[in-house]
Amino acid sequence: MTPQEEERFKRARKSRNLVLGLVLLGFAMLFYAITIVRVGE
């Protein structure tokens, strides 16, 4: 594998991890909001 290919794979992996982290954060915030609404009733 050439250094250019390796760098491209690292960039793709980093962006994938960032998107996955944002999705997980969104789910955590959604569950938190649902919990607050249900407890508030």
C-alpha atoms as a PDB file:
ATOM      1  CA  MET A   1       0.000   0.000   0.000  1.00  0.00           C
ATOM      2  CA  THR A   2       1.393   3.367  -0.952  1.00  0.00           C
ATOM      3  CA  PRO A   3       1.602   6.208   1.560  1.00  0.00           C
ATOM      4  CA  GLN A   4      -1.057   8.104  -0.404  1.00  0.00           C
ATOM      5  CA  GLU A   5      -3.499   5.191  -0.169  1.00  0.00           C
ATOM      6  CA  GLU A   6      -2.801   4.794   3.527  1.00  0.00           C
ATOM      7  CA  GLU A   7      -3.441   8.491   4.134  1.00  0.00           C
ATOM      8  CA  ARG A   8      -6.707   8.289   2.192  1.00  0.00           C
ATOM      9  CA  PHE A   9      -7.868   5.305   4.287  1.00  0.00           C
ATOM     10  CA  LYS A  10      -6.986   7.132   7.508  1.00  0.00           C
ATOM     11  CA  ARG A  11      -8.963  10.201   6.411  1.00  0.00           C
ATOM     12  CA  ALA A  12     -11.977   8.077   5.467  1.00  0.00           C
ATOM     13  CA  ARG A  13     -11.841   6.220   8.793  1.00  0.00           C
ATOM     14  CA  LYS A  14     -11.574   9.473  10.727  1.00  0.00           C
ATOM     15  CA  SER A  15     -14.593  10.990   8.981  1.00  0.00           C
ATOM     16  CA  ARG A  16     -16.599   7.790   9.506  1.00  0.00           C
ATOM     17  CA  ASN A  17     -15.745   7.790  13.208  1.00  0.00           C
ATOM     18  CA  LEU A  18     -16.748  11.444  13.504  1.00  0.00           C
ATOM     19  CA  VAL A  19     -20.136  10.800  11.883  1.00  0.00           C
ATOM     20  CA  LEU A  20     -20.716   7.747  14.088  1.00  0.00           C
ATOM     21  CA  GLY A  21     -19.853   9.766  17.196  1.00  0.00           C
ATOM     22  CA  LEU A  22     -22.298  12.506  16.207  1.00  0.00           C
ATOM     23  CA  VAL A  23     -25.053   9.952  15.597  1.00  0.00           C
ATOM     24  CA  LEU A  24     -24.451   8.367  19.004  1.00  0.00           C
ATOM     25  CA  LEU A  25     -24.502  11.786  20.647  1.00  0.00           C
ATOM     26  CA  GLY A  26     -27.791  12.549  18.894  1.00  0.00           C
ATOM     27  CA  PHE A  27     -29.341   9.317  20.192  1.00  0.00           C
ATOM     28  CA  ALA A  28     -28.135  10.058  23.721  1.00  0.00           C
ATOM     29  CA  MET A  29     -29.673  13.549  23.572  1.00  0.00           C
ATOM     30  CA  LEU A  30     -32.925  12.119  22.174  1.00  0.00           C
ATOM     31  CA  PHE A  31     -33.231   9.564  24.989  1.00  0.00           C
ATOM     32  CA  TYR A  32     -32.391  12.258  27.542  1.00  0.00           C
ATOM     33  CA  ALA A  33     -35.101  14.544  26.156  1.00  0.00           C
ATOM     34  CA  ILE A  34     -37.671  11.726  26.096  1.00  0.00           C
ATOM     35  CA  THR A  35     -36.824  10.862  29.706  1.00  0.00           C
ATOM     36  CA  ILE A  36     -37.182  14.472  30.841  1.00  0.00           C
ATOM     37  CA  VAL A  37     -40.567  14.796  29.106  1.00  0.00           C
ATOM     38  CA  ARG A  38     -41.873  11.522  30.575  1.00  0.00           C
ATOM     39  CA  VAL A  39     -40.703  12.286  34.115  1.00  0.00           C
ATOM     40  CA  GLY A  40     -42.128  15.797  33.890  1.00  0.00           C
ATOM     41  CA  GLU A  41     -45.659  14.537  33.301  1.00  0.00           C
END
